[in-house]
């Protein structure tokens, strides 16, 4: 049913938190549309919460559980460290490439602006792909 993805474990944990949050939001929206007098339903097992209210409660439990696991394992910090290592490696590769190209002073002077421009474009694309636009953690 699914395909294997090349994903860092911390990224996978945060993805689970995000998906669970989406489930909570959807279930909450559904609960808000249930008329107040239908919040409980009679079943063969007695009076029960409306099915959407049960789905909402289960989704909230999962979100809390995944969030707790993400905090306990330091998922966000692990991702930061992973990104820092990747960034340092990329800088080493680019420096080596630029050194081998024997760039003029003018070309070298243009590099920071060009790299910045393309990194911003990449960040924007990555954020959209991961659904992180407006993510508050980026400013924390």
N, C-alpha and C. Protein backbone atom coordinates (compact mmCIF):
# COMPACT_ATOMS: atom_id res chain seq x y z
N UNK A 1 0.81 -1.19 0.00
CA UNK A 1 0.00 0.00 0.00
C UNK A 1 0.85 1.25 0.00
N UNK A 2 2.01 1.19 0.58
CA UNK A 2 2.87 2.36 0.63
C UNK A 2 4.19 2.06 -0.04
N UNK A 3 4.95 3.09 -0.25
CA UNK A 3 6.27 2.93 -0.82
C UNK A 3 7.29 3.39 0.20
N UNK A 4 8.46 2.81 0.12
CA UNK A 4 9.54 3.19 1.04
C UNK A 4 10.02 4.59 0.72
N UNK A 5 10.26 5.36 1.75
CA UNK A 5 10.78 6.72 1.60
C UNK A 5 12.11 6.83 2.30
N UNK A 6 13.00 7.61 1.73
CA UNK A 6 14.29 7.89 2.36
C UNK A 6 14.05 9.07 3.29
N UNK A 7 13.87 8.77 4.57
CA UNK A 7 13.51 9.81 5.54
C UNK A 7 14.32 9.63 6.82
N UNK A 8 14.76 10.74 7.36
CA UNK A 8 15.48 10.73 8.64
C UNK A 8 14.45 10.38 9.74
N UNK A 9 14.82 9.55 10.72
CA UNK A 9 13.87 9.16 11.77
C UNK A 9 13.21 10.35 12.47
N UNK A 10 13.96 11.42 12.72
CA UNK A 10 13.38 12.58 13.39
C UNK A 10 12.34 13.25 12.48
N UNK A 11 12.63 13.28 11.19
CA UNK A 11 11.68 13.85 10.23
C UNK A 11 10.41 13.00 10.19
N UNK A 12 10.57 11.69 10.25
CA UNK A 12 9.41 10.79 10.26
C UNK A 12 8.54 11.04 11.49
N UNK A 13 9.18 11.24 12.63
CA UNK A 13 8.43 11.50 13.86
C UNK A 13 7.63 12.80 13.74
N UNK A 14 8.28 13.84 13.23
CA UNK A 14 7.59 15.12 13.08
C UNK A 14 6.47 15.02 12.04
N UNK A 15 6.68 14.20 11.02
CA UNK A 15 5.64 14.00 10.03
C UNK A 15 4.41 13.34 10.66
N UNK A 16 4.64 12.39 11.55
CA UNK A 16 3.54 11.73 12.26
C UNK A 16 2.76 12.74 13.10
N UNK A 17 3.47 13.65 13.75
CA UNK A 17 2.82 14.69 14.54
C UNK A 17 1.95 15.55 13.63
N UNK A 18 2.48 15.93 12.48
CA UNK A 18 1.73 16.78 11.56
C UNK A 18 0.49 16.08 11.02
N UNK A 19 0.63 14.82 10.65
CA UNK A 19 -0.52 14.07 10.14
C UNK A 19 -1.58 13.92 11.24
N UNK A 20 -1.14 13.60 12.45
CA UNK A 20 -2.08 13.46 13.57
C UNK A 20 -2.80 14.79 13.83
N UNK A 21 -2.08 15.90 13.72
CA UNK A 21 -2.71 17.21 13.89
C UNK A 21 -3.77 17.45 12.82
N UNK A 22 -3.49 17.01 11.61
CA UNK A 22 -4.47 17.11 10.53
C UNK A 22 -5.71 16.28 10.83
N UNK A 23 -5.51 15.10 11.39
CA UNK A 23 -6.65 14.25 11.76
C UNK A 23 -7.50 14.93 12.84
N UNK A 24 -6.84 15.52 13.82
CA UNK A 24 -7.56 16.23 14.89
C UNK A 24 -8.36 17.38 14.29
N UNK A 25 -7.74 18.15 13.42
CA UNK A 25 -8.43 19.29 12.81
C UNK A 25 -9.65 18.84 12.02
N UNK A 26 -9.51 17.77 11.24
CA UNK A 26 -10.63 17.28 10.44
C UNK A 26 -11.75 16.76 11.34
N UNK A 27 -11.39 15.95 12.33
CA UNK A 27 -12.41 15.40 13.23
C UNK A 27 -13.10 16.52 14.00
N UNK A 28 -12.35 17.52 14.42
CA UNK A 28 -12.93 18.66 15.14
C UNK A 28 -13.93 19.40 14.26
N UNK A 29 -13.58 19.55 12.99
CA UNK A 29 -14.50 20.20 12.05
C UNK A 29 -15.79 19.38 11.93
N UNK A 30 -15.66 18.07 11.85
CA UNK A 30 -16.83 17.21 11.75
C UNK A 30 -17.69 17.29 13.01
N UNK A 31 -17.05 17.31 14.17
CA UNK A 31 -17.77 17.40 15.44
C UNK A 31 -18.54 18.72 15.51
N UNK A 32 -17.94 19.78 15.00
CA UNK A 32 -18.60 21.09 15.06
C UNK A 32 -19.88 21.12 14.23
N UNK A 33 -20.02 20.20 13.29
CA UNK A 33 -21.22 20.16 12.44
C UNK A 33 -22.31 19.26 13.01
N UNK A 34 -22.00 18.54 14.08
CA UNK A 34 -23.00 17.67 14.71
C UNK A 34 -23.92 18.54 15.55
N UNK A 35 -25.23 18.46 15.31
CA UNK A 35 -26.16 19.24 16.14
C UNK A 35 -25.98 18.89 17.62
N UNK A 36 -26.11 19.91 18.46
CA UNK A 36 -25.85 19.73 19.89
C UNK A 36 -26.68 18.61 20.51
N UNK A 37 -27.91 18.46 20.04
CA UNK A 37 -28.78 17.42 20.62
C UNK A 37 -28.44 16.02 20.11
N UNK A 38 -27.43 15.92 19.21
CA UNK A 38 -27.01 14.62 18.70
C UNK A 38 -25.60 14.24 19.17
N UNK A 39 -25.11 14.89 20.23
CA UNK A 39 -23.77 14.63 20.74
C UNK A 39 -23.62 13.22 21.31
N UNK A 40 -24.73 12.65 21.70
CA UNK A 40 -24.74 11.27 22.19
C UNK A 40 -25.74 10.48 21.36
N UNK A 41 -25.41 9.23 21.09
CA UNK A 41 -26.30 8.37 20.30
C UNK A 41 -26.58 7.10 21.08
N UNK A 42 -27.80 6.59 20.89
CA UNK A 42 -28.18 5.32 21.52
C UNK A 42 -27.74 4.17 20.62
N UNK A 43 -27.05 3.22 21.21
CA UNK A 43 -26.59 2.05 20.47
C UNK A 43 -27.00 0.81 21.24
N UNK A 44 -26.74 -0.36 20.68
CA UNK A 44 -27.05 -1.60 21.39
C UNK A 44 -26.22 -1.73 22.66
N UNK A 45 -25.12 -0.96 22.73
CA UNK A 45 -24.26 -1.00 23.91
C UNK A 45 -24.59 0.13 24.87
N UNK A 46 -25.70 0.83 24.62
CA UNK A 46 -26.09 1.93 25.48
C UNK A 46 -25.79 3.27 24.83
N UNK A 47 -25.92 4.32 25.60
CA UNK A 47 -25.67 5.67 25.09
C UNK A 47 -24.16 5.89 24.95
N UNK A 48 -23.78 6.36 23.78
CA UNK A 48 -22.36 6.56 23.46
C UNK A 48 -22.16 7.95 22.88
N UNK A 49 -20.92 8.42 22.94
CA UNK A 49 -20.56 9.65 22.25
C UNK A 49 -20.83 9.48 20.76
N UNK A 50 -21.15 10.57 20.10
CA UNK A 50 -21.31 10.55 18.64
C UNK A 50 -20.03 9.98 18.04
N UNK A 51 -20.13 9.19 16.95
CA UNK A 51 -18.93 8.60 16.35
C UNK A 51 -17.83 9.62 16.01
N UNK A 52 -18.20 10.83 15.53
CA UNK A 52 -17.17 11.82 15.23
C UNK A 52 -16.48 12.31 16.49
N UNK A 53 -17.20 12.37 17.59
CA UNK A 53 -16.58 12.78 18.86
C UNK A 53 -15.58 11.72 19.32
N UNK A 54 -15.92 10.45 19.09
CA UNK A 54 -14.97 9.37 19.43
C UNK A 54 -13.74 9.43 18.54
N UNK A 55 -13.95 9.66 17.23
CA UNK A 55 -12.82 9.79 16.31
C UNK A 55 -11.94 10.95 16.74
N UNK A 56 -12.56 12.06 17.12
CA UNK A 56 -11.81 13.23 17.57
C UNK A 56 -10.97 12.90 18.80
N UNK A 57 -11.57 12.24 19.77
CA UNK A 57 -10.86 11.90 21.01
C UNK A 57 -9.68 10.96 20.72
N UNK A 58 -9.90 9.98 19.84
CA UNK A 58 -8.81 9.06 19.49
C UNK A 58 -7.69 9.79 18.75
N UNK A 59 -8.07 10.71 17.85
CA UNK A 59 -7.06 11.48 17.12
C UNK A 59 -6.27 12.36 18.07
N UNK A 60 -6.94 12.95 19.04
CA UNK A 60 -6.25 13.79 20.03
C UNK A 60 -5.28 12.95 20.85
N UNK A 61 -5.71 11.76 21.25
CA UNK A 61 -4.82 10.87 22.00
C UNK A 61 -3.56 10.54 21.19
N UNK A 62 -3.75 10.23 19.89
CA UNK A 62 -2.59 9.93 19.03
C UNK A 62 -1.68 11.14 18.90
N UNK A 63 -2.28 12.33 18.72
CA UNK A 63 -1.47 13.54 18.57
C UNK A 63 -0.65 13.80 19.83
N UNK A 64 -1.26 13.65 20.99
CA UNK A 64 -0.53 13.85 22.25
C UNK A 64 0.58 12.81 22.39
N UNK A 65 0.28 11.56 22.06
CA UNK A 65 1.28 10.49 22.17
C UNK A 65 2.46 10.74 21.22
N UNK A 66 2.17 11.06 19.95
CA UNK A 66 3.24 11.33 18.99
C UNK A 66 4.03 12.57 19.38
N UNK A 67 3.34 13.60 19.85
CA UNK A 67 4.04 14.83 20.25
C UNK A 67 4.98 14.56 21.41
N UNK A 68 4.50 13.79 22.38
CA UNK A 68 5.33 13.46 23.54
C UNK A 68 6.57 12.67 23.10
N UNK A 69 6.37 11.70 22.20
CA UNK A 69 7.50 10.91 21.72
C UNK A 69 8.50 11.79 20.97
N UNK A 70 7.99 12.72 20.17
CA UNK A 70 8.87 13.60 19.40
C UNK A 70 9.70 14.48 20.33
N UNK A 71 9.07 14.99 21.38
CA UNK A 71 9.79 15.83 22.34
C UNK A 71 10.81 14.99 23.10
N UNK A 72 10.40 13.80 23.55
CA UNK A 72 11.30 12.95 24.33
C UNK A 72 12.52 12.50 23.54
N UNK A 73 12.34 12.25 22.25
CA UNK A 73 13.49 11.78 21.46
C UNK A 73 14.28 12.94 20.87
N UNK A 74 13.84 14.16 21.12
CA UNK A 74 14.57 15.32 20.61
C UNK A 74 14.52 15.40 19.10
N UNK A 75 13.38 15.05 18.51
CA UNK A 75 13.26 14.99 17.05
C UNK A 75 13.64 16.30 16.38
N UNK A 76 13.15 17.40 16.91
CA UNK A 76 13.45 18.68 16.26
C UNK A 76 14.94 19.00 16.35
N UNK A 77 15.54 18.77 17.51
CA UNK A 77 16.98 19.03 17.66
C UNK A 77 17.80 18.11 16.76
N UNK A 78 17.36 16.85 16.64
CA UNK A 78 18.06 15.91 15.75
C UNK A 78 18.01 16.40 14.31
N UNK A 79 16.87 16.94 13.89
CA UNK A 79 16.76 17.46 12.53
C UNK A 79 17.67 18.66 12.32
N UNK A 80 17.75 19.52 13.33
CA UNK A 80 18.62 20.69 13.23
C UNK A 80 20.07 20.24 13.07
N UNK A 81 20.50 19.30 13.90
CA UNK A 81 21.87 18.80 13.81
C UNK A 81 22.13 18.11 12.48
N UNK A 82 21.16 17.35 12.00
CA UNK A 82 21.28 16.67 10.70
C UNK A 82 21.43 17.71 9.59
N UNK A 83 20.60 18.75 9.62
CA UNK A 83 20.66 19.80 8.60
C UNK A 83 21.98 20.55 8.67
N UNK A 84 22.48 20.78 9.88
CA UNK A 84 23.78 21.46 10.03
C UNK A 84 24.90 20.63 9.41
N UNK A 85 24.87 19.31 9.64
CA UNK A 85 25.89 18.44 9.05
C UNK A 85 25.80 18.46 7.52
N UNK A 86 24.57 18.39 7.00
CA UNK A 86 24.40 18.43 5.55
C UNK A 86 24.88 19.77 4.99
N UNK A 87 24.57 20.84 5.68
CA UNK A 87 25.00 22.17 5.24
C UNK A 87 26.51 22.29 5.21
N UNK A 88 27.17 21.79 6.23
CA UNK A 88 28.63 21.84 6.29
C UNK A 88 29.24 21.02 5.15
N UNK A 89 28.66 19.86 4.89
CA UNK A 89 29.17 19.02 3.80
C UNK A 89 28.96 19.70 2.45
N UNK A 90 27.82 20.30 2.26
CA UNK A 90 27.55 21.01 1.01
C UNK A 90 28.53 22.17 0.84
N UNK A 91 28.82 22.89 1.91
CA UNK A 91 29.78 24.00 1.84
C UNK A 91 31.16 23.49 1.43
N UNK A 92 31.58 22.34 1.98
CA UNK A 92 32.89 21.77 1.61
C UNK A 92 32.91 21.40 0.12
N UNK A 93 31.83 20.80 -0.36
CA UNK A 93 31.77 20.40 -1.77
C UNK A 93 31.80 21.63 -2.67
N UNK A 94 30.98 22.63 -2.36
CA UNK A 94 30.95 23.83 -3.19
C UNK A 94 32.31 24.54 -3.20
N UNK A 95 32.94 24.63 -2.05
CA UNK A 95 34.26 25.27 -1.97
C UNK A 95 35.27 24.54 -2.86
N UNK A 96 35.25 23.22 -2.79
CA UNK A 96 36.17 22.44 -3.62
C UNK A 96 35.89 22.66 -5.11
N UNK A 97 34.61 22.67 -5.48
CA UNK A 97 34.25 22.88 -6.89
C UNK A 97 34.70 24.27 -7.35
N UNK A 98 34.40 25.28 -6.54
CA UNK A 98 34.75 26.65 -6.92
C UNK A 98 36.27 26.82 -7.02
N UNK A 99 37.00 26.17 -6.12
CA UNK A 99 38.47 26.25 -6.17
C UNK A 99 39.02 25.63 -7.45
N UNK A 100 38.41 24.53 -7.88
CA UNK A 100 38.88 23.86 -9.09
C UNK A 100 38.51 24.62 -10.36
N UNK A 101 37.51 25.51 -10.26
CA UNK A 101 37.06 26.25 -11.44
C UNK A 101 37.95 27.47 -11.73
N UNK A 102 38.81 27.83 -10.80
CA UNK A 102 39.70 28.99 -10.98
C UNK A 102 38.89 30.23 -11.38
N UNK A 103 37.92 30.58 -10.53
CA UNK A 103 37.04 31.71 -10.80
C UNK A 103 37.79 33.04 -10.69
N UNK A 104 37.33 34.00 -11.45
CA UNK A 104 37.89 35.35 -11.34
C UNK A 104 37.38 35.98 -10.04
N UNK A 105 38.00 37.08 -9.64
CA UNK A 105 37.56 37.78 -8.44
C UNK A 105 36.11 38.24 -8.58
N UNK A 106 35.75 38.69 -9.76
CA UNK A 106 34.37 39.13 -10.01
C UNK A 106 33.38 37.97 -9.85
N UNK A 107 33.74 36.81 -10.38
CA UNK A 107 32.88 35.64 -10.26
C UNK A 107 32.76 35.20 -8.80
N UNK A 108 33.88 35.19 -8.10
CA UNK A 108 33.85 34.81 -6.67
C UNK A 108 32.98 35.78 -5.87
N UNK A 109 33.05 37.07 -6.21
CA UNK A 109 32.26 38.08 -5.50
C UNK A 109 30.76 37.85 -5.71
N UNK A 110 30.38 37.30 -6.85
CA UNK A 110 28.96 37.06 -7.15
C UNK A 110 28.42 35.80 -6.47
N UNK A 111 29.30 34.91 -6.03
CA UNK A 111 28.87 33.63 -5.48
C UNK A 111 27.92 33.75 -4.28
N UNK A 112 28.22 34.53 -3.23
CA UNK A 112 27.33 34.57 -2.08
C UNK A 112 25.89 34.95 -2.43
N UNK A 113 25.73 35.96 -3.29
CA UNK A 113 24.40 36.39 -3.68
C UNK A 113 23.67 35.29 -4.46
N UNK A 114 24.36 34.64 -5.37
CA UNK A 114 23.75 33.58 -6.17
C UNK A 114 23.37 32.37 -5.31
N UNK A 115 24.26 31.98 -4.42
CA UNK A 115 23.97 30.85 -3.54
C UNK A 115 22.78 31.18 -2.65
N UNK A 116 22.76 32.38 -2.08
CA UNK A 116 21.65 32.80 -1.23
C UNK A 116 20.32 32.75 -2.00
N UNK A 117 20.32 33.28 -3.20
CA UNK A 117 19.12 33.30 -4.05
C UNK A 117 18.59 31.88 -4.27
N UNK A 118 19.47 30.96 -4.61
CA UNK A 118 19.04 29.59 -4.93
C UNK A 118 18.68 28.79 -3.68
N UNK A 119 19.33 29.09 -2.56
CA UNK A 119 18.95 28.42 -1.31
C UNK A 119 17.57 28.87 -0.86
N UNK A 120 17.25 30.14 -1.01
CA UNK A 120 15.91 30.63 -0.67
C UNK A 120 14.85 29.95 -1.53
N UNK A 121 15.14 29.80 -2.81
CA UNK A 121 14.19 29.12 -3.71
C UNK A 121 14.01 27.67 -3.29
N UNK A 122 15.10 27.01 -2.93
CA UNK A 122 15.03 25.62 -2.50
C UNK A 122 14.24 25.50 -1.19
N UNK A 123 14.48 26.42 -0.25
CA UNK A 123 13.78 26.40 1.03
C UNK A 123 12.29 26.57 0.83
N UNK A 124 11.89 27.46 -0.06
CA UNK A 124 10.49 27.69 -0.35
C UNK A 124 9.84 26.44 -0.92
N UNK A 125 10.50 25.79 -1.87
CA UNK A 125 9.99 24.57 -2.47
C UNK A 125 9.88 23.45 -1.45
N UNK A 126 10.91 23.30 -0.61
CA UNK A 126 10.90 22.25 0.41
C UNK A 126 9.79 22.49 1.42
N UNK A 127 9.60 23.72 1.85
CA UNK A 127 8.55 24.04 2.82
C UNK A 127 7.18 23.71 2.25
N UNK A 128 6.96 24.03 0.98
CA UNK A 128 5.67 23.72 0.36
C UNK A 128 5.48 22.22 0.26
N UNK A 129 6.52 21.50 -0.12
CA UNK A 129 6.44 20.04 -0.26
C UNK A 129 6.10 19.39 1.07
N UNK A 130 6.71 19.87 2.16
CA UNK A 130 6.48 19.27 3.48
C UNK A 130 5.28 19.88 4.19
N UNK A 131 4.65 20.88 3.59
CA UNK A 131 3.50 21.52 4.22
C UNK A 131 3.88 22.37 5.42
N UNK A 132 5.05 23.00 5.37
CA UNK A 132 5.53 23.75 6.51
C UNK A 132 5.41 25.26 6.33
N UNK A 133 4.69 25.73 5.30
CA UNK A 133 4.56 27.17 5.12
C UNK A 133 3.92 27.75 6.38
N UNK A 134 4.48 28.83 6.86
CA UNK A 134 3.94 29.47 8.05
C UNK A 134 4.17 28.68 9.32
N UNK A 135 5.03 27.69 9.29
CA UNK A 135 5.30 26.86 10.45
C UNK A 135 5.95 27.68 11.55
N UNK A 136 5.37 27.67 12.73
CA UNK A 136 5.86 28.51 13.83
C UNK A 136 7.22 28.06 14.33
N UNK A 137 7.57 26.78 14.13
CA UNK A 137 8.85 26.29 14.65
C UNK A 137 10.03 26.91 13.92
N UNK A 138 9.78 27.42 12.72
CA UNK A 138 10.87 28.04 11.96
C UNK A 138 11.31 29.35 12.60
N UNK A 139 10.44 29.94 13.44
CA UNK A 139 10.79 31.21 14.09
C UNK A 139 11.13 31.04 15.56
N UNK A 140 10.99 29.84 16.08
CA UNK A 140 11.28 29.60 17.51
C UNK A 140 12.76 29.57 17.76
